[in-house]
Amino acid sequence: MMEKFEDYLSFDGKMYKVGLPFSGDQFDLPVNFKQAIRRLRAVKRRLAGSDKDCPDYTRLG
């Protein structure tokens, strides 16, 4: 693991840069559609019940 870290580490004269520690070209990410929908509904419920947060949230949107 340390060897991979050192392979991805570089210094450009001002700062160090480190690559992301992914192995391979494929990313096997989970499908999180249901979780995203639950979060959206929770935010909508919270904003519907708050006269203060809704305008701020919409303005920042």
PDB file of N, CA and C in Angstrom:
ATOM      1  N   MET A   1       0.827  -1.191   0.000  1.00  0.00           N
ATOM      2  CA  MET A   1       0.000   0.000   0.000  1.00  0.00           C
ATOM      3  C   MET A   1       0.876   1.263   0.000  1.00  0.00           C
ATOM      4  N   MET A   2       1.909   1.264   0.815  1.00  0.00           N
ATOM      5  CA  MET A   2       2.797   2.426   0.878  1.00  0.00           C
ATOM      6  C   MET A   2       3.499   2.635  -0.459  1.00  0.00           C
ATOM      7  N   GLU A   3       3.813   1.556  -1.130  1.00  0.00           N
ATOM      8  CA  GLU A   3       4.473   1.651  -2.432  1.00  0.00           C
ATOM      9  C   GLU A   3       3.557   2.324  -3.458  1.00  0.00           C
ATOM     10  N   LYS A   4       2.278   1.954  -3.443  1.00  0.00           N
ATOM     11  CA  LYS A   4       1.321   2.588  -4.357  1.00  0.00           C
ATOM     12  C   LYS A   4       1.188   4.072  -4.040  1.00  0.00           C
ATOM     13  N   PHE A   5       1.144   4.393  -2.743  1.00  0.00           N
ATOM     14  CA  PHE A   5       1.043   5.786  -2.323  1.00  0.00           C
ATOM     15  C   PHE A   5       2.215   6.587  -2.874  1.00  0.00           C
ATOM     16  N   GLU A   6       3.400   6.046  -2.748  1.00  0.00           N
ATOM     17  CA  GLU A   6       4.593   6.740  -3.235  1.00  0.00           C
ATOM     18  C   GLU A   6       4.590   6.867  -4.756  1.00  0.00           C
ATOM     19  N   ASP A   7       3.998   5.897  -5.452  1.00  0.00           N
ATOM     20  CA  ASP A   7       3.886   5.984  -6.912  1.00  0.00           C
ATOM     21  C   ASP A   7       2.985   7.143  -7.335  1.00  0.00           C
ATOM     22  N   TYR A   8       1.957   7.415  -6.546  1.00  0.00           N
ATOM     23  CA  TYR A   8       1.002   8.475  -6.878  1.00  0.00           C
ATOM     24  C   TYR A   8       1.404   9.835  -6.319  1.00  0.00           C
ATOM     25  N   LEU A   9       2.483   9.898  -5.567  1.00  0.00           N
ATOM     26  CA  LEU A   9       2.925  11.125  -4.915  1.00  0.00           C
ATOM     27  C   LEU A   9       3.880  11.896  -5.822  1.00  0.00           C
ATOM     28  N   SER A  10       3.650  13.204  -5.948  1.00  0.00           N
ATOM     29  CA  SER A  10       4.566  14.040  -6.725  1.00  0.00           C
ATOM     30  C   SER A  10       4.660  15.419  -6.072  1.00  0.00           C
ATOM     31  N   PHE A  11       5.760  16.097  -6.335  1.00  0.00           N
ATOM     32  CA  PHE A  11       5.994  17.439  -5.804  1.00  0.00           C
ATOM     33  C   PHE A  11       6.320  18.342  -6.976  1.00  0.00           C
ATOM     34  N   ASP A  12       5.560  19.432  -7.144  1.00  0.00           N
ATOM     35  CA  ASP A  12       5.755  20.304  -8.302  1.00  0.00           C
ATOM     36  C   ASP A  12       6.589  21.550  -7.998  1.00  0.00           C
ATOM     37  N   GLY A  13       7.262  21.566  -6.856  1.00  0.00           N
ATOM     38  CA  GLY A  13       8.067  22.715  -6.473  1.00  0.00           C
ATOM     39  C   GLY A  13       7.382  23.591  -5.448  1.00  0.00           C
ATOM     40  N   LYS A  14       6.056  23.530  -5.382  1.00  0.00           N
ATOM     41  CA  LYS A  14       5.290  24.309  -4.418  1.00  0.00           C
ATOM     42  C   LYS A  14       4.473  23.425  -3.486  1.00  0.00           C
ATOM     43  N   MET A  15       3.901  22.383  -4.039  1.00  0.00           N
ATOM     44  CA  MET A  15       3.028  21.541  -3.228  1.00  0.00           C
ATOM     45  C   MET A  15       3.117  20.085  -3.662  1.00  0.00           C
ATOM     46  N   TYR A  16       2.713  19.241  -2.742  1.00  0.00           N
ATOM     47  CA  TYR A  16       2.645  17.815  -3.043  1.00  0.00           C
ATOM     48  C   TYR A  16       1.289  17.494  -3.644  1.00  0.00           C
ATOM     49  N   LYS A  17       1.266  16.545  -4.561  1.00  0.00           N
ATOM     50  CA  LYS A  17       0.022  16.059  -5.148  1.00  0.00           C
ATOM     51  C   LYS A  17      -0.019  14.555  -4.969  1.00  0.00           C
ATOM     52  N   VAL A  18      -1.181  14.055  -4.581  1.00  0.00           N
ATOM     53  CA  VAL A  18      -1.357  12.623  -4.368  1.00  0.00           C
ATOM     54  C   VAL A  18      -2.558  12.173  -5.180  1.00  0.00           C
ATOM     55  N   GLY A  19      -2.373  11.127  -5.966  1.00  0.00           N
ATOM     56  CA  GLY A  19      -3.472  10.576  -6.751  1.00  0.00           C
ATOM     57  C   GLY A  19      -4.426   9.786  -5.879  1.00  0.00           C
ATOM     58  N   LEU A  20      -5.605   9.538  -6.401  1.00  0.00           N
ATOM     59  CA  LEU A  20      -6.585   8.739  -5.680  1.00  0.00           C
ATOM     60  C   LEU A  20      -6.178   7.270  -5.723  1.00  0.00           C
ATOM     61  N   PRO A  21      -6.359   6.569  -4.633  1.00  0.00           N
ATOM     62  CA  PRO A  21      -5.862   5.190  -4.535  1.00  0.00           C
ATOM     63  C   PRO A  21      -6.796   4.138  -5.126  1.00  0.00           C
ATOM     64  N   PHE A  22      -7.209   4.302  -6.359  1.00  0.00           N
ATOM     65  CA  PHE A  22      -8.051   3.311  -7.011  1.00  0.00           C
ATOM     66  C   PHE A  22      -7.171   2.313  -7.741  1.00  0.00           C
ATOM     67  N   SER A  23      -7.579   1.092  -7.718  1.00  0.00           N
ATOM     68  CA  SER A  23      -6.828   0.083  -8.458  1.00  0.00           C
ATOM     69  C   SER A  23      -7.615  -0.287  -9.707  1.00  0.00           C
ATOM     70  N   GLY A  24      -7.014  -0.132 -10.845  1.00  0.00           N
ATOM     71  CA  GLY A  24      -7.683  -0.467 -12.092  1.00  0.00           C
ATOM     72  C   GLY A  24      -8.473   0.689 -12.660  1.00  0.00           C
ATOM     73  N   ASP A  25      -9.037   0.460 -13.815  1.00  0.00           N
ATOM     74  CA  ASP A  25      -9.805   1.501 -14.493  1.00  0.00           C
ATOM     75  C   ASP A  25     -11.296   1.429 -14.199  1.00  0.00           C
ATOM     76  N   GLN A  26     -11.763   0.317 -13.669  1.00  0.00           N
ATOM     77  CA  GLN A  26     -13.187   0.135 -13.415  1.00  0.00           C
ATOM     78  C   GLN A  26     -13.550   0.615 -12.015  1.00  0.00           C
ATOM     79  N   PHE A  27     -14.650   1.321 -11.922  1.00  0.00           N
ATOM     80  CA  PHE A  27     -15.170   1.752 -10.638  1.00  0.00           C
ATOM     81  C   PHE A  27     -16.473   1.009 -10.399  1.00  0.00           C
ATOM     82  N   ASP A  28     -16.516   0.199  -9.375  1.00  0.00           N
ATOM     83  CA  ASP A  28     -17.713  -0.559  -9.050  1.00  0.00           C
ATOM     84  C   ASP A  28     -18.447   0.173  -7.935  1.00  0.00           C
ATOM     85  N   LEU A  29     -19.201   1.188  -8.308  1.00  0.00           N
ATOM     86  CA  LEU A  29     -19.905   2.002  -7.333  1.00  0.00           C
ATOM     87  C   LEU A  29     -21.309   1.457  -7.113  1.00  0.00           C
ATOM     88  N   PRO A  30     -21.798   1.529  -5.869  1.00  0.00           N
ATOM     89  CA  PRO A  30     -23.142   1.037  -5.601  1.00  0.00           C
ATOM     90  C   PRO A  30     -24.195   1.987  -6.172  1.00  0.00           C
ATOM     91  N   VAL A  31     -25.349   1.448  -6.469  1.00  0.00           N
ATOM     92  CA  VAL A  31     -26.477   2.258  -6.925  1.00  0.00           C
ATOM     93  C   VAL A  31     -27.137   2.828  -5.672  1.00  0.00           C
ATOM     94  N   ASN A  32     -27.216   4.150  -5.577  1.00  0.00           N
ATOM     95  CA  ASN A  32     -27.762   4.774  -4.375  1.00  0.00           C
ATOM     96  C   ASN A  32     -29.012   5.595  -4.678  1.00  0.00           C
ATOM     97  N   PHE A  33     -29.757   5.201  -5.706  1.00  0.00           N
ATOM     98  CA  PHE A  33     -30.945   5.947  -6.108  1.00  0.00           C
ATOM     99  C   PHE A  33     -31.963   6.031  -4.971  1.00  0.00           C
ATOM    100  N   LYS A  34     -32.232   4.903  -4.298  1.00  0.00           N
ATOM    101  CA  LYS A  34     -33.239   4.899  -3.222  1.00  0.00           C
ATOM    102  C   LYS A  34     -32.824   5.821  -2.082  1.00  0.00           C
ATOM    103  N   GLN A  35     -31.554   5.802  -1.732  1.00  0.00           N
ATOM    104  CA  GLN A  35     -31.063   6.668  -0.664  1.00  0.00           C
ATOM    105  C   GLN A  35     -31.177   8.139  -1.071  1.00  0.00           C
ATOM    106  N   ALA A  36     -30.876   8.450  -2.318  1.00  0.00           N
ATOM    107  CA  ALA A  36     -30.973   9.829  -2.799  1.00  0.00           C
ATOM    108  C   ALA A  36     -32.416  10.319  -2.753  1.00  0.00           C
ATOM    109  N   ILE A  37     -33.355   9.463  -3.140  1.00  0.00           N
ATOM    110  CA  ILE A  37     -34.777   9.836  -3.094  1.00  0.00           C
ATOM    111  C   ILE A  37     -35.209  10.077  -1.649  1.00  0.00           C
ATOM    112  N   ARG A  38     -34.786   9.207  -0.722  1.00  0.00           N
ATOM    113  CA  ARG A  38     -35.135   9.406   0.694  1.00  0.00           C
ATOM    114  C   ARG A  38     -34.594  10.731   1.204  1.00  0.00           C
ATOM    115  N   ARG A  39     -33.365  11.061   0.843  1.00  0.00           N
ATOM    116  CA  ARG A  39     -32.784  12.336   1.291  1.00  0.00           C
ATOM    117  C   ARG A  39     -33.526  13.528   0.694  1.00  0.00           C
ATOM    118  N   LEU A  40     -33.883  13.433  -0.579  1.00  0.00           N
ATOM    119  CA  LEU A  40     -34.632  14.511  -1.222  1.00  0.00           C
ATOM    120  C   LEU A  40     -35.963  14.733  -0.521  1.00  0.00           C
ATOM    121  N   ARG A  41     -36.671  13.645  -0.228  1.00  0.00           N
ATOM    122  CA  ARG A  41     -37.965  13.765   0.457  1.00  0.00           C
ATOM    123  C   ARG A  41     -37.796  14.361   1.848  1.00  0.00           C
ATOM    124  N   ALA A  42     -36.735  13.982   2.553  1.00  0.00           N
ATOM    125  CA  ALA A  42     -36.484  14.521   3.892  1.00  0.00           C
ATOM    126  C   ALA A  42     -36.206  16.022   3.828  1.00  0.00           C
ATOM    127  N   VAL A  43     -35.437  16.453   2.847  1.00  0.00           N
ATOM    128  CA  VAL A  43     -35.151  17.882   2.689  1.00  0.00           C
ATOM    129  C   VAL A  43     -36.430  18.635   2.350  1.00  0.00           C
ATOM    130  N   LYS A  44     -37.250  18.076   1.475  1.00  0.00           N
ATOM    131  CA  LYS A  44     -38.509  18.735   1.113  1.00  0.00           C
ATOM    132  C   LYS A  44     -39.421  18.873   2.328  1.00  0.00           C
ATOM    133  N   ARG A  45     -39.494  17.820   3.169  1.00  0.00           N
ATOM    134  CA  ARG A  45     -40.321  17.891   4.384  1.00  0.00           C
ATOM    135  C   ARG A  45     -39.789  18.961   5.330  1.00  0.00           C
ATOM    136  N   ARG A  46     -38.460  18.998   5.486  1.00  0.00           N
ATOM    137  CA  ARG A  46     -37.859  19.980   6.393  1.00  0.00           C
ATOM    138  C   ARG A  46     -38.126  21.401   5.900  1.00  0.00           C
ATOM    139  N   LEU A  47     -37.984  21.616   4.612  1.00  0.00           N
ATOM    140  CA  LEU A  47     -38.191  22.953   4.064  1.00  0.00           C
ATOM    141  C   LEU A  47     -39.658  23.352   4.081  1.00  0.00           C
ATOM    142  N   ALA A  48     -40.547  22.399   3.892  1.00  0.00           N
ATOM    143  CA  ALA A  48     -41.982  22.706   3.915  1.00  0.00           C
ATOM    144  C   ALA A  48     -42.418  23.168   5.299  1.00  0.00           C
ATOM    145  N   GLY A  49     -41.743  22.705   6.334  1.00  0.00           N
ATOM    146  CA  GLY A  49     -42.111  23.074   7.692  1.00  0.00           C
ATOM    147  C   GLY A  49     -41.332  24.249   8.245  1.00  0.00           C
ATOM    148  N   SER A  50     -40.537  24.910   7.434  1.00  0.00           N
ATOM    149  CA  SER A  50     -39.694  25.991   7.929  1.00  0.00           C
ATOM    150  C   SER A  50     -39.830  27.228   7.049  1.00  0.00           C
ATOM    151  N   ASP A  51     -40.380  28.286   7.627  1.00  0.00           N
ATOM    152  CA  ASP A  51     -40.513  29.540   6.880  1.00  0.00           C
ATOM    153  C   ASP A  51     -39.159  30.227   6.693  1.00  0.00           C
ATOM    154  N   LYS A  52     -38.202  29.923   7.556  1.00  0.00           N
ATOM    155  CA  LYS A  52     -36.897  30.566   7.479  1.00  0.00           C
ATOM    156  C   LYS A  52     -35.972  29.866   6.480  1.00  0.00           C
ATOM    157  N   ASP A  53     -35.895  28.544   6.541  1.00  0.00           N
ATOM    158  CA  ASP A  53     -34.924  27.804   5.734  1.00  0.00           C
ATOM    159  C   ASP A  53     -35.273  27.752   4.252  1.00  0.00           C
ATOM    160  N   CYS A  54     -36.540  27.689   3.917  1.00  0.00           N
ATOM    161  CA  CYS A  54     -36.931  27.510   2.515  1.00  0.00           C
ATOM    162  C   CYS A  54     -36.445  28.653   1.612  1.00  0.00           C
ATOM    163  N   PRO A  55     -36.685  29.918   1.962  1.00  0.00           N
ATOM    164  CA  PRO A  55     -36.165  30.989   1.089  1.00  0.00           C
ATOM    165  C   PRO A  55     -34.641  30.996   0.989  1.00  0.00           C
ATOM    166  N   ASP A  56     -33.962  30.711   2.105  1.00  0.00           N
ATOM    167  CA  ASP A  56     -32.497  30.662   2.078  1.00  0.00           C
ATOM    168  C   ASP A  56     -32.016  29.545   1.164  1.00  0.00           C
ATOM    169  N   TYR A  57     -32.631  28.398   1.271  1.00  0.00           N
ATOM    170  CA  TYR A  57     -32.241  27.239   0.461  1.00  0.00           C
ATOM    171  C   TYR A  57     -32.496  27.509  -1.019  1.00  0.00           C
ATOM    172  N   THR A  58     -33.627  28.106  -1.329  1.00  0.00           N
ATOM    173  CA  THR A  58     -33.971  28.418  -2.715  1.00  0.00           C
ATOM    174  C   THR A  58     -33.011  29.462  -3.287  1.00  0.00           C
ATOM    175  N   ARG A  59     -32.680  30.463  -2.489  1.00  0.00           N
ATOM    176  CA  ARG A  59     -31.777  31.524  -2.934  1.00  0.00           C
ATOM    177  C   ARG A  59     -30.384  30.965  -3.211  1.00  0.00           C
ATOM    178  N   LEU A  60     -29.915  30.052  -2.379  1.00  0.00           N
ATOM    179  CA  LEU A  60     -28.584  29.472  -2.549  1.00  0.00           C
ATOM    180  C   LEU A  60     -28.538  28.464  -3.688  1.00  0.00           C
ATOM    181  N   GLY A  61     -29.689  27.882  -4.022  1.00  0.00           N
ATOM    182  CA  GLY A  61     -29.836  26.809  -4.998  1.00  0.00           C
ATOM    183  C   GLY A  61     -29.075  26.974  -6.226  1.00  0.00           C
TER     184      GLY A  61
END
